[in-house]
């Protein structure tokens, strides 16, 4: 994937390289008030 991105004429600024990353970014982009991201990340920090 990285080689493909580097060979692209206009590569994106950011590229998610895993399914989990794509799902998390999709949640963040569709979350207008932050509540969905908080539900996902709330348990990450003790």
C-alpha atoms as a PDB file:
ATOM      1  CA  UNK A   1       0.000   0.000   0.000  1.00  0.00           C
ATOM      2  CA  UNK A   2       2.754   2.460   0.878  1.00  0.00           C
ATOM      3  CA  UNK A   3       4.571   1.883  -2.407  1.00  0.00           C
ATOM      4  CA  UNK A   4       1.303   2.406  -4.274  1.00  0.00           C
ATOM      5  CA  UNK A   5       0.738   5.698  -2.435  1.00  0.00           C
ATOM      6  CA  UNK A   6       4.271   6.864  -3.181  1.00  0.00           C
ATOM      7  CA  UNK A   7       3.821   6.062  -6.868  1.00  0.00           C
ATOM      8  CA  UNK A   8       0.583   8.062  -7.033  1.00  0.00           C
ATOM      9  CA  UNK A   9       0.827  11.427  -8.777  1.00  0.00           C
ATOM     10  CA  UNK A  10      -1.136  13.213  -6.033  1.00  0.00           C
ATOM     11  CA  UNK A  11      -1.053  11.023  -2.898  1.00  0.00           C
ATOM     12  CA  UNK A  12      -3.429  11.855  -0.039  1.00  0.00           C
ATOM     13  CA  UNK A  13      -2.062  13.705   2.981  1.00  0.00           C
ATOM     14  CA  UNK A  14      -3.158  10.837   5.235  1.00  0.00           C
ATOM     15  CA  UNK A  15      -3.921   7.222   4.412  1.00  0.00           C
ATOM     16  CA  UNK A  16      -5.318   4.627   6.767  1.00  0.00           C
ATOM     17  CA  UNK A  17      -3.480   1.340   6.341  1.00  0.00           C
ATOM     18  CA  UNK A  18      -5.781  -0.942   8.323  1.00  0.00           C
ATOM     19  CA  UNK A  19      -9.462  -1.717   8.561  1.00  0.00           C
ATOM     20  CA  UNK A  20      -9.509  -0.621  12.209  1.00  0.00           C
ATOM     21  CA  UNK A  21      -7.981   2.741  11.330  1.00  0.00           C
ATOM     22  CA  UNK A  22     -10.499   3.311   8.535  1.00  0.00           C
ATOM     23  CA  UNK A  23     -13.388   2.472  10.881  1.00  0.00           C
ATOM     24  CA  UNK A  24     -12.097   4.822  13.587  1.00  0.00           C
ATOM     25  CA  UNK A  25     -11.580   7.687  11.143  1.00  0.00           C
ATOM     26  CA  UNK A  26     -15.076   7.124   9.741  1.00  0.00           C
ATOM     27  CA  UNK A  27     -16.455   7.403  13.285  1.00  0.00           C
ATOM     28  CA  UNK A  28     -14.489  10.586  13.952  1.00  0.00           C
ATOM     29  CA  UNK A  29     -15.557  12.240  10.708  1.00  0.00           C
ATOM     30  CA  UNK A  30     -19.239  11.490  11.229  1.00  0.00           C
ATOM     31  CA  UNK A  31     -19.288  12.427  14.935  1.00  0.00           C
ATOM     32  CA  UNK A  32     -20.583  15.987  15.195  1.00  0.00           C
ATOM     33  CA  UNK A  33     -20.541  16.311  18.991  1.00  0.00           C
ATOM     34  CA  UNK A  34     -17.714  13.951  19.995  1.00  0.00           C
ATOM     35  CA  UNK A  35     -19.930  11.486  21.848  1.00  0.00           C
ATOM     36  CA  UNK A  36     -19.235   8.526  19.533  1.00  0.00           C
ATOM     37  CA  UNK A  37     -15.468   9.015  19.758  1.00  0.00           C
ATOM     38  CA  UNK A  38     -15.741   9.290  23.540  1.00  0.00           C
ATOM     39  CA  UNK A  39     -17.609   5.965  23.657  1.00  0.00           C
ATOM     40  CA  UNK A  40     -14.868   4.318  21.584  1.00  0.00           C
ATOM     41  CA  UNK A  41     -11.892   5.877  23.387  1.00  0.00           C
ATOM     42  CA  UNK A  42     -13.275   6.342  26.899  1.00  0.00           C
ATOM     43  CA  UNK A  43     -11.663   3.204  28.272  1.00  0.00           C
ATOM     44  CA  UNK A  44      -8.260   3.739  26.650  1.00  0.00           C
ATOM     45  CA  UNK A  45      -6.868   5.896  29.443  1.00  0.00           C
ATOM     46  CA  UNK A  46      -7.015   4.583  32.993  1.00  0.00           C
END
